[in-house]
């Protein structure tokens, strides 16, 4: 396995790829991490390296940052990852936890990632349909952004990529006002791809 680069994506339903089917159709899961992995593998081949990459999706519907912490030892550590992408917080905030209560869990997740010798990449909380709720999301994101900037931690601003001019999750990026549509994931893949490539470059 020395030629393999391992990335773990830890999070909630957004990480899992959950999508509410239109009308009465059942939910489905959009395989954005599989698409991301394929794009990265193609790029590595183009670079002529003997390295390959696998992305392990550890997204669970409805999970909180506390849940992410609880399953870190069994869902992340056994993979011996080089990178851990952390994307959580929306479910905490939706259950009325404050940004100040949720933020310490993000810090703990980053520290746990560093402890196992992996590189953390933090994605901020995505917007939802409600403008007022997004004010809370932005408070949360500001805390995370400042922490990452002060501690040399990679930070991806997915909120700005998905929000519209009215301050809500753009209709074209969601089917239900919370989860992402195909276009929503397709919007994010390039920035996630670029961040991963930057951080695996020293391993090539």
Protein backbone atom coordinates (compact mmCIF):
# COMPACT_ATOMS: atom_id res chain seq x y z
CA UNK A 1 0.00 0.00 0.00
CA UNK A 2 3.01 2.32 -0.08
CA UNK A 3 1.89 3.69 -3.44
CA UNK A 4 -1.56 4.58 -2.17
CA UNK A 5 -2.59 7.97 -0.86
CA UNK A 6 -5.58 7.68 1.46
CA UNK A 7 -8.07 10.47 2.11
CA UNK A 8 -11.03 10.15 4.49
CA UNK A 9 -14.06 12.41 4.15
CA UNK A 10 -15.75 12.64 7.57
CA UNK A 11 -19.12 14.30 7.96
CA UNK A 12 -22.90 14.16 7.82
CA UNK A 13 -25.47 13.72 5.05
CA UNK A 14 -23.79 16.34 2.86
CA UNK A 15 -20.64 14.23 2.93
CA UNK A 16 -22.66 11.06 2.36
CA UNK A 17 -24.17 12.65 -0.76
CA UNK A 18 -27.80 12.45 0.43
CA UNK A 19 -30.34 13.89 -1.99
CA UNK A 20 -34.09 14.07 -1.49
CA UNK A 21 -35.76 12.70 -4.59
CA UNK A 22 -38.12 15.07 -6.43
CA UNK A 23 -41.81 14.57 -5.71
CA UNK A 24 -42.50 11.15 -4.25
CA UNK A 25 -39.29 9.57 -5.46
CA UNK A 26 -37.13 8.04 -2.72
CA UNK A 27 -33.84 9.60 -1.59
CA UNK A 28 -30.60 8.71 -3.33
CA UNK A 29 -26.91 9.30 -2.77
CA UNK A 30 -24.83 11.31 -5.21
CA UNK A 31 -21.37 9.70 -5.59
CA UNK A 32 -19.38 12.91 -5.51
CA UNK A 33 -16.43 11.38 -3.64
CA UNK A 34 -16.22 8.64 -6.27
CA UNK A 35 -16.19 11.29 -8.99
CA UNK A 36 -13.56 13.24 -7.09
CA UNK A 37 -11.43 10.12 -6.67
CA UNK A 38 -11.64 9.36 -10.42
CA UNK A 39 -10.56 12.88 -11.33
CA UNK A 40 -7.63 12.71 -8.93
CA UNK A 41 -6.52 9.33 -10.29
CA UNK A 42 -6.58 10.67 -13.84
CA UNK A 43 -4.50 13.67 -12.74
CA UNK A 44 -1.94 11.46 -10.99
CA UNK A 45 -1.56 9.36 -14.14
CA UNK A 46 -1.07 12.51 -16.21
CA UNK A 47 1.70 13.56 -13.82
CA UNK A 48 3.46 10.23 -14.42
CA UNK A 49 3.63 9.30 -10.75
CA UNK A 50 3.32 5.74 -9.49
CA UNK A 51 1.01 6.96 -6.71
CA UNK A 52 -2.71 6.23 -6.63
CA UNK A 53 -5.43 7.62 -4.38
CA UNK A 54 -8.53 6.35 -2.61
CA UNK A 55 -11.18 8.45 -0.90
CA UNK A 56 -13.06 6.78 1.95
CA UNK A 57 -16.47 8.36 2.49
CA UNK A 58 -17.42 8.37 6.18
CA UNK A 59 -20.51 10.54 5.89
CA UNK A 60 -23.51 9.53 7.99
CA UNK A 61 -26.96 11.09 7.66
CA UNK A 62 -27.90 13.27 10.61
CA UNK A 63 -24.50 13.12 12.27
CA UNK A 64 -23.23 15.90 14.52
CA UNK A 65 -19.70 17.03 15.21
CA UNK A 66 -19.95 15.14 18.50
CA UNK A 67 -20.83 12.01 16.56
CA UNK A 68 -17.92 12.60 14.21
CA UNK A 69 -15.61 12.78 17.20
CA UNK A 70 -17.10 9.64 18.73
CA UNK A 71 -16.50 7.54 15.61
CA UNK A 72 -13.13 9.04 14.65
CA UNK A 73 -11.22 6.15 16.23
CA UNK A 74 -13.11 3.49 14.30
CA UNK A 75 -14.01 5.33 11.10
CA UNK A 76 -10.86 7.32 10.41
CA UNK A 77 -7.83 6.00 12.30
CA UNK A 78 -7.92 2.42 10.90
CA UNK A 79 -7.60 3.83 7.37
CA UNK A 80 -4.19 5.37 8.19
CA UNK A 81 -5.09 8.42 6.11
CA UNK A 82 -2.76 11.04 4.71
CA UNK A 83 -5.62 13.56 4.54
CA UNK A 84 -8.85 13.97 6.50
CA UNK A 85 -11.54 16.26 5.11
CA UNK A 86 -13.87 17.48 7.86
CA UNK A 87 -17.35 18.71 6.93
CA UNK A 88 -19.84 19.04 9.76
CA UNK A 89 -21.76 21.40 12.00
CA UNK A 90 -25.07 21.96 10.21
CA UNK A 91 -26.94 19.37 12.28
CA UNK A 92 -25.57 20.79 15.54
CA UNK A 93 -26.77 24.26 14.59
CA UNK A 94 -30.18 22.97 13.47
CA UNK A 95 -30.72 21.51 16.95
CA UNK A 96 -30.11 24.97 18.44
CA UNK A 97 -26.55 24.48 19.56
CA UNK A 98 -24.74 27.79 19.28
CA UNK A 99 -21.65 28.32 17.10
CA UNK A 100 -19.67 28.82 20.30
CA UNK A 101 -20.79 25.38 21.51
CA UNK A 102 -20.08 23.63 18.20
CA UNK A 103 -16.76 25.23 17.34
CA UNK A 104 -14.70 23.38 20.01
CA UNK A 105 -15.63 20.09 18.35
CA UNK A 106 -14.17 21.30 15.07
CA UNK A 107 -10.96 22.15 16.90
CA UNK A 108 -10.92 18.69 18.50
CA UNK A 109 -11.44 17.03 15.12
CA UNK A 110 -8.53 18.97 13.65
CA UNK A 111 -6.33 18.06 16.62
CA UNK A 112 -7.31 14.38 16.39
CA UNK A 113 -6.39 14.45 12.70
CA UNK A 114 -2.99 15.95 13.41
CA UNK A 115 -2.39 13.45 16.21
CA UNK A 116 -2.60 10.52 13.77
CA UNK A 117 -0.18 12.23 11.39
CA UNK A 118 -2.75 13.25 8.79
CA UNK A 119 -3.41 16.63 7.21
CA UNK A 120 -6.80 18.18 8.10
CA UNK A 121 -8.83 20.05 5.52
CA UNK A 122 -11.86 21.84 7.00
CA UNK A 123 -14.91 22.61 4.87
CA UNK A 124 -17.11 25.29 6.38
CA UNK A 125 -20.84 24.90 6.94
CA UNK A 126 -22.91 25.20 3.76
CA UNK A 127 -25.85 27.62 3.50
CA UNK A 128 -29.49 26.53 3.68
CA UNK A 129 -32.73 28.05 2.39
CA UNK A 130 -33.35 30.18 5.49
CA UNK A 131 -31.56 33.53 5.42
CA UNK A 132 -31.91 34.07 9.19
CA UNK A 133 -30.45 30.63 9.95
CA UNK A 134 -27.56 31.40 7.61
CA UNK A 135 -26.59 34.30 9.86
CA UNK A 136 -25.87 31.68 12.52
CA UNK A 137 -24.01 29.57 9.96
CA UNK A 138 -21.83 32.56 9.08
CA UNK A 139 -21.00 33.12 12.76
CA UNK A 140 -19.91 29.51 12.94
CA UNK A 141 -17.88 29.82 9.77
CA UNK A 142 -16.15 32.95 10.99
CA UNK A 143 -14.97 31.14 14.11
CA UNK A 144 -13.67 28.24 12.04
CA UNK A 145 -12.04 30.49 9.46
CA UNK A 146 -10.15 32.49 12.09
CA UNK A 147 -9.00 29.34 13.86
CA UNK A 148 -7.74 27.76 10.62
CA UNK A 149 -5.95 30.94 9.58
CA UNK A 150 -4.23 31.19 12.95
CA UNK A 151 -3.19 27.54 13.05
CA UNK A 152 -2.12 26.91 9.44
CA UNK A 153 -5.05 24.60 8.74
CA UNK A 154 -6.52 24.28 5.24
CA UNK A 155 -9.97 25.87 5.03
CA UNK A 156 -12.46 25.53 2.16
CA UNK A 157 -15.20 28.15 1.91
CA UNK A 158 -18.05 26.12 0.40
CA UNK A 159 -20.60 28.58 1.82
CA UNK A 160 -19.53 31.29 -0.62
CA UNK A 161 -19.68 28.88 -3.56
CA UNK A 162 -23.26 27.86 -2.84
CA UNK A 163 -24.96 31.01 -1.51
CA UNK A 164 -27.02 33.30 -3.75
CA UNK A 165 -27.36 37.09 -3.78
CA UNK A 166 -30.17 36.91 -1.21
CA UNK A 167 -27.98 35.09 1.31
CA UNK A 168 -29.57 31.65 0.95
CA UNK A 169 -28.61 28.35 -0.63
CA UNK A 170 -29.06 28.92 -4.37
CA UNK A 171 -32.09 27.08 -5.75
CA UNK A 172 -30.04 25.58 -8.57
CA UNK A 173 -27.76 23.87 -6.05
CA UNK A 174 -30.45 22.11 -3.99
CA UNK A 175 -33.69 20.13 -4.33
CA UNK A 176 -34.87 20.64 -0.76
CA UNK A 177 -33.21 23.79 0.57
CA UNK A 178 -30.66 21.91 2.68
CA UNK A 179 -29.03 19.06 0.75
CA UNK A 180 -27.14 19.53 -2.49
CA UNK A 181 -28.34 18.72 -5.98
CA UNK A 182 -26.10 17.27 -8.69
CA UNK A 183 -25.20 20.83 -9.69
CA UNK A 184 -24.37 21.68 -6.09
CA UNK A 185 -21.83 18.88 -5.80
CA UNK A 186 -20.47 19.61 -9.26
CA UNK A 187 -19.91 23.20 -8.15
CA UNK A 188 -17.79 22.07 -5.18
CA UNK A 189 -15.73 19.29 -6.77
CA UNK A 190 -13.15 21.59 -8.46
CA UNK A 191 -12.21 23.44 -5.26
CA UNK A 192 -12.01 20.21 -3.24
CA UNK A 193 -9.92 18.67 -6.03
CA UNK A 194 -7.51 21.62 -6.01
CA UNK A 195 -7.09 21.54 -2.23
CA UNK A 196 -6.35 17.82 -2.22
CA UNK A 197 -3.82 18.17 -5.04
CA UNK A 198 -2.00 20.93 -3.17
CA UNK A 199 -1.71 18.82 -0.05
CA UNK A 200 -0.68 15.56 -1.68
CA UNK A 201 1.99 17.18 -3.85
CA UNK A 202 4.73 16.54 -1.23
CA UNK A 203 3.79 12.84 -1.30
CA UNK A 204 4.31 12.41 -5.04
